[in-house]
């Protein structure tokens, strides 16, 4: 193995290690986020509030699109990702009402 290839392999490992740490952060962050949305769902169910809040959802999507632009992330990807999360949250909220 040449020095150039060995250095490339070392850099690749460093990038992958960083990606693995970021993936862990994402998973734990999503876990914490869903704990909060479950608390919201229980509160909504207790007070007979609707599972969905379209006004808040549209504001959140716009906010995350803006954040995505500033983070140099494709805003459409961010919007799709948040839309997926919102759908999951609403499903969870509906379960609490049942």
Protein backbone atom coordinates (compact mmCIF):
# COMPACT_ATOMS: atom_id res chain seq x y z
CA UNK A 1 0.00 0.00 0.00
CA UNK A 2 1.43 3.36 -0.98
CA UNK A 3 1.61 6.32 1.39
CA UNK A 4 -1.07 8.12 -0.63
CA UNK A 5 -3.46 5.16 -0.44
CA UNK A 6 -2.71 4.64 3.26
CA UNK A 7 -3.41 8.34 3.95
CA UNK A 8 -6.65 8.14 1.94
CA UNK A 9 -7.71 5.10 3.97
CA UNK A 10 -6.91 6.97 7.20
CA UNK A 11 -8.93 10.00 6.09
CA UNK A 12 -11.81 7.75 5.04
CA UNK A 13 -11.83 6.15 8.49
CA UNK A 14 -11.84 9.59 10.16
CA UNK A 15 -14.79 10.73 8.02
CA UNK A 16 -16.70 7.52 8.74
CA UNK A 17 -16.01 7.81 12.47
CA UNK A 18 -17.39 11.35 12.37
CA UNK A 19 -20.45 10.19 10.43
CA UNK A 20 -21.04 7.44 13.02
CA UNK A 21 -20.91 9.98 15.85
CA UNK A 22 -23.31 12.29 13.98
CA UNK A 23 -25.69 9.39 13.35
CA UNK A 24 -25.72 8.67 17.09
CA UNK A 25 -26.46 12.34 17.80
CA UNK A 26 -29.34 12.26 15.30
CA UNK A 27 -30.86 9.13 16.85
CA UNK A 28 -30.62 10.42 20.42
CA UNK A 29 -31.96 13.82 19.31
CA UNK A 30 -34.92 12.20 17.57
CA UNK A 31 -35.54 10.11 20.68
CA UNK A 32 -35.65 13.25 22.83
CA UNK A 33 -37.84 15.03 20.30
CA UNK A 34 -40.35 12.19 20.31
CA UNK A 35 -40.42 12.15 24.11
CA UNK A 36 -41.49 15.78 23.98
CA UNK A 37 -44.08 15.20 21.27
CA UNK A 38 -45.48 12.27 23.26
CA UNK A 39 -45.93 14.60 26.23
CA UNK A 40 -47.71 17.04 23.90
CA UNK A 41 -49.90 14.22 22.60
CA UNK A 42 -50.91 13.18 26.10
CA UNK A 43 -51.70 16.79 27.00
CA UNK A 44 -53.78 17.21 23.85
CA UNK A 45 -55.66 13.97 24.52
CA UNK A 46 -56.33 14.96 28.14
CA UNK A 47 -57.79 18.31 27.09
CA UNK A 48 -59.50 17.01 23.94
CA UNK A 49 -57.37 19.14 21.62
CA UNK A 50 -56.88 18.18 17.96
CA UNK A 51 -53.96 15.88 17.13
CA UNK A 52 -52.88 18.14 14.29
CA UNK A 53 -52.11 21.87 14.28
CA UNK A 54 -51.77 22.83 10.60
CA UNK A 55 -50.81 26.44 11.36
CA UNK A 56 -47.91 25.38 13.61
CA UNK A 57 -46.88 22.66 11.18
CA UNK A 58 -46.64 25.07 8.25
CA UNK A 59 -44.66 27.54 10.38
CA UNK A 60 -42.30 24.77 11.48
CA UNK A 61 -41.75 23.65 7.90
CA UNK A 62 -40.97 27.22 6.82
CA UNK A 63 -38.61 27.66 9.80
CA UNK A 64 -36.76 24.44 9.02
CA UNK A 65 -36.52 25.30 5.33
CA UNK A 66 -34.83 28.56 6.36
CA UNK A 67 -32.52 26.75 8.76
CA UNK A 68 -31.68 24.24 6.04
CA UNK A 69 -30.69 27.01 3.64
CA UNK A 70 -28.44 28.53 6.29
CA UNK A 71 -26.94 25.11 7.04
CA UNK A 72 -26.27 24.48 3.33
CA UNK A 73 -28.76 21.60 3.34
CA UNK A 74 -31.25 21.03 0.54
CA UNK A 75 -34.44 22.75 1.80
CA UNK A 76 -36.64 20.22 -0.01
CA UNK A 77 -34.89 17.39 1.82
CA UNK A 78 -35.39 19.20 5.14
CA UNK A 79 -39.05 19.79 4.31
CA UNK A 80 -39.57 16.11 3.41
CA UNK A 81 -37.78 15.00 6.57
CA UNK A 82 -39.85 17.26 8.83
CA UNK A 83 -43.06 16.29 7.03
CA UNK A 84 -42.27 12.65 7.75
CA UNK A 85 -41.67 13.43 11.44
CA UNK A 86 -44.87 15.47 11.67
CA UNK A 87 -46.89 12.59 10.18
CA UNK A 88 -45.41 10.22 12.78
CA UNK A 89 -46.16 12.66 15.60
CA UNK A 90 -49.76 13.11 14.47
CA UNK A 91 -50.21 9.33 14.32
CA UNK A 92 -48.87 9.08 17.87
CA UNK A 93 -51.18 11.87 19.03
CA UNK A 94 -54.17 10.09 17.50
CA UNK A 95 -53.22 6.90 19.40
CA UNK A 96 -53.27 8.82 22.67
CA UNK A 97 -56.80 10.01 21.90
CA UNK A 98 -58.04 6.45 21.36
